[in-house]
Amino acid sequence: MVTIRLTRRGARNLPFYHVVVTDSRKRQGGSILEQVGFFNPVARGKEVRLKLEIDRIDHWVKLGAQMSDRVGALSKEFRKQNATQAVAA
């Protein structure tokens, strides 16, 4: 089964996550099919906290990929954030 999940990168006490599409049987840091975004939970100032390629995520979900709970929540947050920015512009 193909899953969309987070894989951790970054230093100790400074987490940074890539949002990746991968086979669920592979280990967390193993080979990936595609990277579709990133998440920086400790972003400060003008650093970007969350960036997702929603069109690619939708493509993979349409093909049967399952999102992890955390990626689902981040995706929902990103869509809401973009909708708010579109209304403001």
PDB file of N, CA and C in Angstrom:
ATOM      1  N   MET A   1       0.834  -1.168   0.000  1.00  0.00           N
ATOM      2  CA  MET A   1       0.000   0.000   0.000  1.00  0.00           C
ATOM      3  C   MET A   1       0.887   1.242   0.000  1.00  0.00           C
ATOM      4  N   VAL A   2       0.457   2.249  -0.693  1.00  0.00           N
ATOM      5  CA  VAL A   2       1.193   3.510  -0.761  1.00  0.00           C
ATOM      6  C   VAL A   2       0.640   4.448   0.306  1.00  0.00           C
ATOM      7  N   THR A   3       1.529   5.103   1.040  1.00  0.00           N
ATOM      8  CA  THR A   3       1.120   6.039   2.081  1.00  0.00           C
ATOM      9  C   THR A   3       1.790   7.389   1.886  1.00  0.00           C
ATOM     10  N   ILE A   4       1.129   8.403   2.381  1.00  0.00           N
ATOM     11  CA  ILE A   4       1.689   9.753   2.416  1.00  0.00           C
ATOM     12  C   ILE A   4       1.941  10.042   3.883  1.00  0.00           C
ATOM     13  N   ARG A   5       3.209  10.225   4.251  1.00  0.00           N
ATOM     14  CA  ARG A   5       3.559  10.374   5.656  1.00  0.00           C
ATOM     15  C   ARG A   5       4.736  11.327   5.817  1.00  0.00           C
ATOM     16  N   LEU A   6       5.052  11.625   7.070  1.00  0.00           N
ATOM     17  CA  LEU A   6       6.187  12.488   7.388  1.00  0.00           C
ATOM     18  C   LEU A   6       7.430  11.644   7.580  1.00  0.00           C
ATOM     19  N   THR A   7       8.559  12.182   7.161  1.00  0.00           N
ATOM     20  CA  THR A   7       9.841  11.570   7.477  1.00  0.00           C
ATOM     21  C   THR A   7      10.712  12.655   8.094  1.00  0.00           C
ATOM     22  N   ARG A   8      11.313  12.346   9.221  1.00  0.00           N
ATOM     23  CA  ARG A   8      12.037  13.345   9.988  1.00  0.00           C
ATOM     24  C   ARG A   8      13.432  13.606   9.426  1.00  0.00           C
ATOM     25  N   ARG A   9      13.777  14.852   9.381  1.00  0.00           N
ATOM     26  CA  ARG A   9      15.117  15.327   9.039  1.00  0.00           C
ATOM     27  C   ARG A   9      15.468  16.399  10.053  1.00  0.00           C
ATOM     28  N   GLY A  10      16.640  16.952   9.980  1.00  0.00           N
ATOM     29  CA  GLY A  10      17.015  18.019  10.896  1.00  0.00           C
ATOM     30  C   GLY A  10      17.882  17.509  12.025  1.00  0.00           C
ATOM     31  N   ALA A  11      18.302  18.423  12.850  1.00  0.00           N
ATOM     32  CA  ALA A  11      19.210  18.116  13.941  1.00  0.00           C
ATOM     33  C   ALA A  11      18.448  17.780  15.220  1.00  0.00           C
ATOM     34  N   ARG A  12      19.183  17.372  16.230  1.00  0.00           N
ATOM     35  CA  ARG A  12      18.578  17.101  17.529  1.00  0.00           C
ATOM     36  C   ARG A  12      17.957  18.388  18.070  1.00  0.00           C
ATOM     37  N   ASN A  13      16.765  18.285  18.602  1.00  0.00           N
ATOM     38  CA  ASN A  13      16.006  19.412  19.141  1.00  0.00           C
ATOM     39  C   ASN A  13      15.678  20.470  18.087  1.00  0.00           C
ATOM     40  N   LEU A  14      15.809  20.149  16.819  1.00  0.00           N
ATOM     41  CA  LEU A  14      15.463  21.067  15.738  1.00  0.00           C
ATOM     42  C   LEU A  14      14.805  20.259  14.620  1.00  0.00           C
ATOM     43  N   PRO A  15      13.609  19.732  14.851  1.00  0.00           N
ATOM     44  CA  PRO A  15      12.992  18.830  13.873  1.00  0.00           C
ATOM     45  C   PRO A  15      12.570  19.547  12.600  1.00  0.00           C
ATOM     46  N   PHE A  16      12.614  18.820  11.522  1.00  0.00           N
ATOM     47  CA  PHE A  16      12.158  19.281  10.214  1.00  0.00           C
ATOM     48  C   PHE A  16      11.645  18.039   9.498  1.00  0.00           C
ATOM     49  N   TYR A  17      10.482  18.113   8.909  1.00  0.00           N
ATOM     50  CA  TYR A  17       9.876  16.931   8.314  1.00  0.00           C
ATOM     51  C   TYR A  17       9.616  17.140   6.829  1.00  0.00           C
ATOM     52  N   HIS A  18       9.882  16.106   6.042  1.00  0.00           N
ATOM     53  CA  HIS A  18       9.487  16.078   4.640  1.00  0.00           C
ATOM     54  C   HIS A  18       8.194  15.287   4.555  1.00  0.00           C
ATOM     55  N   VAL A  19       7.269  15.746   3.729  1.00  0.00           N
ATOM     56  CA  VAL A  19       6.044  14.998   3.459  1.00  0.00           C
ATOM     57  C   VAL A  19       6.324  14.189   2.201  1.00  0.00           C
ATOM     58  N   VAL A  20       6.281  12.860   2.332  1.00  0.00           N
ATOM     59  CA  VAL A  20       6.684  11.996   1.228  1.00  0.00           C
ATOM     60  C   VAL A  20       5.617  10.957   0.920  1.00  0.00           C
ATOM     61  N   VAL A  21       5.644  10.505  -0.326  1.00  0.00           N
ATOM     62  CA  VAL A  21       4.819   9.390  -0.765  1.00  0.00           C
ATOM     63  C   VAL A  21       5.739   8.186  -0.839  1.00  0.00           C
ATOM     64  N   THR A  22       5.363   7.105  -0.140  1.00  0.00           N
ATOM     65  CA  THR A  22       6.232   5.950  -0.065  1.00  0.00           C
ATOM     66  C   THR A  22       5.415   4.674   0.100  1.00  0.00           C
ATOM     67  N   ASP A  23       6.053   3.562  -0.127  1.00  0.00           N
ATOM     68  CA  ASP A  23       5.437   2.271   0.125  1.00  0.00           C
ATOM     69  C   ASP A  23       5.385   2.061   1.637  1.00  0.00           C
ATOM     70  N   SER A  24       4.254   1.633   2.152  1.00  0.00           N
ATOM     71  CA  SER A  24       4.097   1.501   3.602  1.00  0.00           C
ATOM     72  C   SER A  24       5.021   0.447   4.200  1.00  0.00           C
ATOM     73  N   ARG A  25       5.526  -0.463   3.384  1.00  0.00           N
ATOM     74  CA  ARG A  25       6.415  -1.513   3.898  1.00  0.00           C
ATOM     75  C   ARG A  25       7.855  -1.044   4.054  1.00  0.00           C
ATOM     76  N   LYS A  26       8.182   0.111   3.506  1.00  0.00           N
ATOM     77  CA  LYS A  26       9.542   0.659   3.638  1.00  0.00           C
ATOM     78  C   LYS A  26       9.707   1.326   4.990  1.00  0.00           C
ATOM     79  N   ARG A  27      10.941   1.375   5.467  1.00  0.00           N
ATOM     80  CA  ARG A  27      11.195   2.037   6.737  1.00  0.00           C
ATOM     81  C   ARG A  27      11.049   3.549   6.573  1.00  0.00           C
ATOM     82  N   GLN A  28      10.989   4.257   7.691  1.00  0.00           N
ATOM     83  CA  GLN A  28      10.684   5.680   7.667  1.00  0.00           C
ATOM     84  C   GLN A  28      11.667   6.500   6.830  1.00  0.00           C
ATOM     85  N   GLY A  29      12.942   6.253   6.950  1.00  0.00           N
ATOM     86  CA  GLY A  29      13.925   7.036   6.215  1.00  0.00           C
ATOM     87  C   GLY A  29      14.330   6.395   4.902  1.00  0.00           C
ATOM     88  N   GLY A  30      13.608   5.371   4.466  1.00  0.00           N
ATOM     89  CA  GLY A  30      13.973   4.607   3.276  1.00  0.00           C
ATOM     90  C   GLY A  30      13.631   5.324   1.978  1.00  0.00           C
ATOM     91  N   SER A  31      13.598   4.553   0.914  1.00  0.00           N
ATOM     92  CA  SER A  31      13.356   5.129  -0.402  1.00  0.00           C
ATOM     93  C   SER A  31      11.928   5.666  -0.502  1.00  0.00           C
ATOM     94  N   ILE A  32      11.764   6.720  -1.298  1.00  0.00           N
ATOM     95  CA  ILE A  32      10.462   7.360  -1.455  1.00  0.00           C
ATOM     96  C   ILE A  32      10.078   7.374  -2.918  1.00  0.00           C
ATOM     97  N   LEU A  33       8.794   7.529  -3.183  1.00  0.00           N
ATOM     98  CA  LEU A  33       8.312   7.660  -4.547  1.00  0.00           C
ATOM     99  C   LEU A  33       8.335   9.124  -4.986  1.00  0.00           C
ATOM    100  N   GLU A  34       7.925  10.017  -4.067  1.00  0.00           N
ATOM    101  CA  GLU A  34       7.894  11.446  -4.395  1.00  0.00           C
ATOM    102  C   GLU A  34       7.837  12.262  -3.111  1.00  0.00           C
ATOM    103  N   GLN A  35       8.503  13.414  -3.112  1.00  0.00           N
ATOM    104  CA  GLN A  35       8.402  14.350  -2.002  1.00  0.00           C
ATOM    105  C   GLN A  35       7.372  15.402  -2.386  1.00  0.00           C
ATOM    106  N   VAL A  36       6.372  15.607  -1.533  1.00  0.00           N
ATOM    107  CA  VAL A  36       5.270  16.507  -1.876  1.00  0.00           C
ATOM    108  C   VAL A  36       5.158  17.702  -0.941  1.00  0.00           C
ATOM    109  N   GLY A  37       6.160  17.950  -0.120  1.00  0.00           N
ATOM    110  CA  GLY A  37       6.116  19.124   0.737  1.00  0.00           C
ATOM    111  C   GLY A  37       7.031  18.989   1.934  1.00  0.00           C
ATOM    112  N   PHE A  38       6.905  19.981   2.844  1.00  0.00           N
ATOM    113  CA  PHE A  38       7.685  19.946   4.074  1.00  0.00           C
ATOM    114  C   PHE A  38       6.901  20.606   5.194  1.00  0.00           C
ATOM    115  N   PHE A  39       7.319  20.310   6.431  1.00  0.00           N
ATOM    116  CA  PHE A  39       6.700  20.846   7.634  1.00  0.00           C
ATOM    117  C   PHE A  39       7.797  21.197   8.622  1.00  0.00           C
ATOM    118  N   ASN A  40       7.808  22.450   9.066  1.00  0.00           N
ATOM    119  CA  ASN A  40       8.804  22.932  10.017  1.00  0.00           C
ATOM    120  C   ASN A  40       8.077  23.368  11.293  1.00  0.00           C
ATOM    121  N   PRO A  41       7.978  22.481  12.296  1.00  0.00           N
ATOM    122  CA  PRO A  41       7.194  22.820  13.487  1.00  0.00           C
ATOM    123  C   PRO A  41       7.812  23.900  14.372  1.00  0.00           C
ATOM    124  N   VAL A  42       9.075  24.222  14.186  1.00  0.00           N
ATOM    125  CA  VAL A  42       9.720  25.244  15.014  1.00  0.00           C
ATOM    126  C   VAL A  42      10.052  26.495  14.204  1.00  0.00           C
ATOM    127  N   ALA A  43       9.259  26.778  13.175  1.00  0.00           N
ATOM    128  CA  ALA A  43       9.502  27.955  12.333  1.00  0.00           C
ATOM    129  C   ALA A  43       9.312  29.227  13.146  1.00  0.00           C
ATOM    130  N   ARG A  44      10.207  30.171  12.939  1.00  0.00           N
ATOM    131  CA  ARG A  44      10.151  31.452  13.636  1.00  0.00           C
ATOM    132  C   ARG A  44      10.240  32.580  12.634  1.00  0.00           C
ATOM    133  N   GLY A  45       9.660  33.695  12.984  1.00  0.00           N
ATOM    134  CA  GLY A  45       9.751  34.874  12.132  1.00  0.00           C
ATOM    135  C   GLY A  45       9.072  34.655  10.791  1.00  0.00           C
ATOM    136  N   LYS A  46       9.821  34.905   9.734  1.00  0.00           N
ATOM    137  CA  LYS A  46       9.262  34.784   8.389  1.00  0.00           C
ATOM    138  C   LYS A  46       9.557  33.436   7.744  1.00  0.00           C
ATOM    139  N   GLU A  47      10.027  32.481   8.514  1.00  0.00           N
ATOM    140  CA  GLU A  47      10.272  31.144   7.985  1.00  0.00           C
ATOM    141  C   GLU A  47       8.940  30.494   7.621  1.00  0.00           C
ATOM    142  N   VAL A  48       8.949  29.723   6.560  1.00  0.00           N
ATOM    143  CA  VAL A  48       7.741  29.014   6.132  1.00  0.00           C
ATOM    144  C   VAL A  48       7.550  27.795   7.028  1.00  0.00           C
ATOM    145  N   ARG A  49       6.362  27.660   7.599  1.00  0.00           N
ATOM    146  CA  ARG A  49       6.078  26.551   8.511  1.00  0.00           C
ATOM    147  C   ARG A  49       5.612  25.316   7.767  1.00  0.00           C
ATOM    148  N   LEU A  50       4.798  25.522   6.736  1.00  0.00           N
ATOM    149  CA  LEU A  50       4.182  24.399   6.049  1.00  0.00           C
ATOM    150  C   LEU A  50       4.054  24.709   4.567  1.00  0.00           C
ATOM    151  N   LYS A  51       4.507  23.790   3.732  1.00  0.00           N
ATOM    152  CA  LYS A  51       4.387  23.930   2.278  1.00  0.00           C
ATOM    153  C   LYS A  51       4.036  22.568   1.712  1.00  0.00           C
ATOM    154  N   LEU A  52       2.907  22.481   1.033  1.00  0.00           N
ATOM    155  CA  LEU A  52       2.465  21.227   0.439  1.00  0.00           C
ATOM    156  C   LEU A  52       2.094  21.440  -1.021  1.00  0.00           C
ATOM    157  N   GLU A  53       2.307  20.416  -1.825  1.00  0.00           N
ATOM    158  CA  GLU A  53       1.852  20.411  -3.208  1.00  0.00           C
ATOM    159  C   GLU A  53       0.515  19.666  -3.219  1.00  0.00           C
ATOM    160  N   ILE A  54      -0.558  20.413  -2.982  1.00  0.00           N
ATOM    161  CA  ILE A  54      -1.887  19.823  -2.821  1.00  0.00           C
ATOM    162  C   ILE A  54      -2.324  19.057  -4.063  1.00  0.00           C
ATOM    163  N   ASP A  55      -1.996  19.562  -5.247  1.00  0.00           N
ATOM    164  CA  ASP A  55      -2.402  18.863  -6.473  1.00  0.00           C
ATOM    165  C   ASP A  55      -1.761  17.477  -6.569  1.00  0.00           C
ATOM    166  N   ARG A  56      -0.504  17.353  -6.154  1.00  0.00           N
ATOM    167  CA  ARG A  56       0.165  16.043  -6.170  1.00  0.00           C
ATOM    168  C   ARG A  56      -0.381  15.120  -5.075  1.00  0.00           C
ATOM    169  N   ILE A  57      -0.716  15.678  -3.925  1.00  0.00           N
ATOM    170  CA  ILE A  57      -1.322  14.867  -2.866  1.00  0.00           C
ATOM    171  C   ILE A  57      -2.668  14.332  -3.332  1.00  0.00           C
ATOM    172  N   ASP A  58      -3.475  15.198  -3.946  1.00  0.00           N
ATOM    173  CA  ASP A  58      -4.775  14.755  -4.462  1.00  0.00           C
ATOM    174  C   ASP A  58      -4.607  13.681  -5.526  1.00  0.00           C
ATOM    175  N   HIS A  59      -3.582  13.822  -6.364  1.00  0.00           N
ATOM    176  CA  HIS A  59      -3.301  12.812  -7.394  1.00  0.00           C
ATOM    177  C   HIS A  59      -3.027  11.450  -6.765  1.00  0.00           C
ATOM    178  N   TRP A  60      -2.174  11.422  -5.750  1.00  0.00           N
ATOM    179  CA  TRP A  60      -1.827  10.153  -5.107  1.00  0.00           C
ATOM    180  C   TRP A  60      -3.007   9.563  -4.350  1.00  0.00           C
ATOM    181  N   VAL A  61      -3.813  10.412  -3.716  1.00  0.00           N
ATOM    182  CA  VAL A  61      -4.995   9.916  -3.003  1.00  0.00           C
ATOM    183  C   VAL A  61      -5.990   9.324  -3.993  1.00  0.00           C
ATOM    184  N   LYS A  62      -6.113   9.964  -5.153  1.00  0.00           N
ATOM    185  CA  LYS A  62      -7.006   9.438  -6.186  1.00  0.00           C
ATOM    186  C   LYS A  62      -6.543   8.061  -6.668  1.00  0.00           C
ATOM    187  N   LEU A  63      -5.239   7.823  -6.651  1.00  0.00           N
ATOM    188  CA  LEU A  63      -4.697   6.529  -7.055  1.00  0.00           C
ATOM    189  C   LEU A  63      -4.765   5.489  -5.938  1.00  0.00           C
ATOM    190  N   GLY A  64      -5.209   5.897  -4.742  1.00  0.00           N
ATOM    191  CA  GLY A  64      -5.401   4.939  -3.659  1.00  0.00           C
ATOM    192  C   GLY A  64      -4.451   5.074  -2.493  1.00  0.00           C
ATOM    193  N   ALA A  65      -3.633   6.107  -2.468  1.00  0.00           N
ATOM    194  CA  ALA A  65      -2.706   6.296  -1.343  1.00  0.00           C
ATOM    195  C   ALA A  65      -3.472   6.703  -0.096  1.00  0.00           C
ATOM    196  N   GLN A  66      -2.970   6.285   1.056  1.00  0.00           N
ATOM    197  CA  GLN A  66      -3.574   6.632   2.340  1.00  0.00           C
ATOM    198  C   GLN A  66      -2.700   7.664   3.045  1.00  0.00           C
ATOM    199  N   MET A  67      -3.319   8.724   3.565  1.00  0.00           N
ATOM    200  CA  MET A  67      -2.574   9.729   4.321  1.00  0.00           C
ATOM    201  C   MET A  67      -2.504   9.316   5.785  1.00  0.00           C
ATOM    202  N   SER A  68      -1.372   9.597   6.422  1.00  0.00           N
ATOM    203  CA  SER A  68      -1.279   9.384   7.863  1.00  0.00           C
ATOM    204  C   SER A  68      -2.171  10.419   8.546  1.00  0.00           C
ATOM    205  N   ASP A  69      -2.484  10.196   9.814  1.00  0.00           N
ATOM    206  CA  ASP A  69      -3.354  11.117  10.543  1.00  0.00           C
ATOM    207  C   ASP A  69      -2.760  12.525  10.577  1.00  0.00           C
ATOM    208  N   ARG A  70      -1.464  12.603  10.839  1.00  0.00           N
ATOM    209  CA  ARG A  70      -0.809  13.914  10.939  1.00  0.00           C
ATOM    210  C   ARG A  70      -0.799  14.631   9.594  1.00  0.00           C
ATOM    211  N   VAL A  71      -0.516  13.920   8.514  1.00  0.00           N
ATOM    212  CA  VAL A  71      -0.504  14.543   7.190  1.00  0.00           C
ATOM    213  C   VAL A  71      -1.908  14.987   6.802  1.00  0.00           C
ATOM    214  N   GLY A  72      -2.916  14.218   7.184  1.00  0.00           N
ATOM    215  CA  GLY A  72      -4.296  14.628   6.927  1.00  0.00           C
ATOM    216  C   GLY A  72      -4.638  15.935   7.620  1.00  0.00           C
ATOM    217  N   ALA A  73      -4.215  16.068   8.877  1.00  0.00           N
ATOM    218  CA  ALA A  73      -4.459  17.300   9.624  1.00  0.00           C
ATOM    219  C   ALA A  73      -3.692  18.476   9.022  1.00  0.00           C
ATOM    220  N   LEU A  74      -2.443  18.242   8.617  1.00  0.00           N
ATOM    221  CA  LEU A  74      -1.639  19.307   7.998  1.00  0.00           C
ATOM    222  C   LEU A  74      -2.228  19.726   6.655  1.00  0.00           C
ATOM    223  N   SER A  75      -2.716  18.765   5.890  1.00  0.00           N
ATOM    224  CA  SER A  75      -3.329  19.056   4.604  1.00  0.00           C
ATOM    225  C   SER A  75      -4.571  19.924   4.784  1.00  0.00           C
ATOM    226  N   LYS A  76      -5.380  19.578   5.761  1.00  0.00           N
ATOM    227  CA  LYS A  76      -6.588  20.353   6.053  1.00  0.00           C
ATOM    228  C   LYS A  76      -6.220  21.779   6.466  1.00  0.00           C
ATOM    229  N   GLU A  77      -5.187  21.911   7.316  1.00  0.00           N
ATOM    230  CA  GLU A  77      -4.720  23.224   7.761  1.00  0.00           C
ATOM    231  C   GLU A  77      -4.203  24.047   6.582  1.00  0.00           C
ATOM    232  N   PHE A  78      -3.441  23.410   5.678  1.00  0.00           N
ATOM    233  CA  PHE A  78      -2.868  24.113   4.526  1.00  0.00           C
ATOM    234  C   PHE A  78      -3.969  24.589   3.585  1.00  0.00           C
ATOM    235  N   ARG A  79      -4.981  23.745   3.339  1.00  0.00           N
ATOM    236  CA  ARG A  79      -6.102  24.142   2.478  1.00  0.00           C
ATOM    237  C   ARG A  79      -6.851  25.328   3.076  1.00  0.00           C
ATOM    238  N   LYS A  80      -7.085  25.303   4.388  1.00  0.00           N
ATOM    239  CA  LYS A  80      -7.783  26.380   5.063  1.00  0.00           C
ATOM    240  C   LYS A  80      -6.971  27.680   4.995  1.00  0.00           C
ATOM    241  N   GLN A  81      -5.663  27.556   5.178  1.00  0.00           N
ATOM    242  CA  GLN A  81      -4.767  28.715   5.117  1.00  0.00           C
ATOM    243  C   GLN A  81      -4.786  29.335   3.720  1.00  0.00           C
ATOM    244  N   ASN A  82      -4.741  28.508   2.685  1.00  0.00           N
ATOM    245  CA  ASN A  82      -4.759  29.014   1.311  1.00  0.00           C
ATOM    246  C   ASN A  82      -6.094  29.620   0.947  1.00  0.00           C
ATOM    247  N   ALA A  83      -7.192  29.069   1.456  1.00  0.00           N
ATOM    248  CA  ALA A  83      -8.525  29.630   1.201  1.00  0.00           C
ATOM    249  C   ALA A  83      -8.651  31.015   1.837  1.00  0.00           C
ATOM    250  N   THR A  84      -8.101  31.172   3.043  1.00  0.00           N
ATOM    251  CA  THR A  84      -8.123  32.457   3.728  1.00  0.00           C
ATOM    252  C   THR A  84      -7.306  33.485   2.962  1.00  0.00           C
ATOM    253  N   GLN A  85      -6.141  33.086   2.455  1.00  0.00           N
ATOM    254  CA  GLN A  85      -5.300  34.015   1.697  1.00  0.00           C
ATOM    255  C   GLN A  85      -5.958  34.405   0.382  1.00  0.00           C
ATOM    256  N   ALA A  86      -6.665  33.470  -0.250  1.00  0.00           N
ATOM    257  CA  ALA A  86      -7.333  33.765  -1.523  1.00  0.00           C
ATOM    258  C   ALA A  86      -8.468  34.767  -1.313  1.00  0.00           C
ATOM    259  N   VAL A  87      -9.187  34.647  -0.209  1.00  0.00           N
ATOM    260  CA  VAL A  87     -10.277  35.581   0.090  1.00  0.00           C
ATOM    261  C   VAL A  87      -9.723  36.968   0.407  1.00  0.00           C
ATOM    262  N   ALA A  88      -8.586  37.010   1.114  1.00  0.00           N
ATOM    263  CA  ALA A  88      -7.976  38.287   1.480  1.00  0.00           C
ATOM    264  C   ALA A  88      -7.417  39.021   0.260  1.00  0.00           C
ATOM    265  N   ALA A  89      -7.008  38.280  -0.749  1.00  0.00           N
ATOM    266  CA  ALA A  89      -6.414  38.921  -1.944  1.00  0.00           C
ATOM    267  C   ALA A  89      -7.452  39.368  -2.896  1.00  0.00           C
TER     268      ALA A  89
END
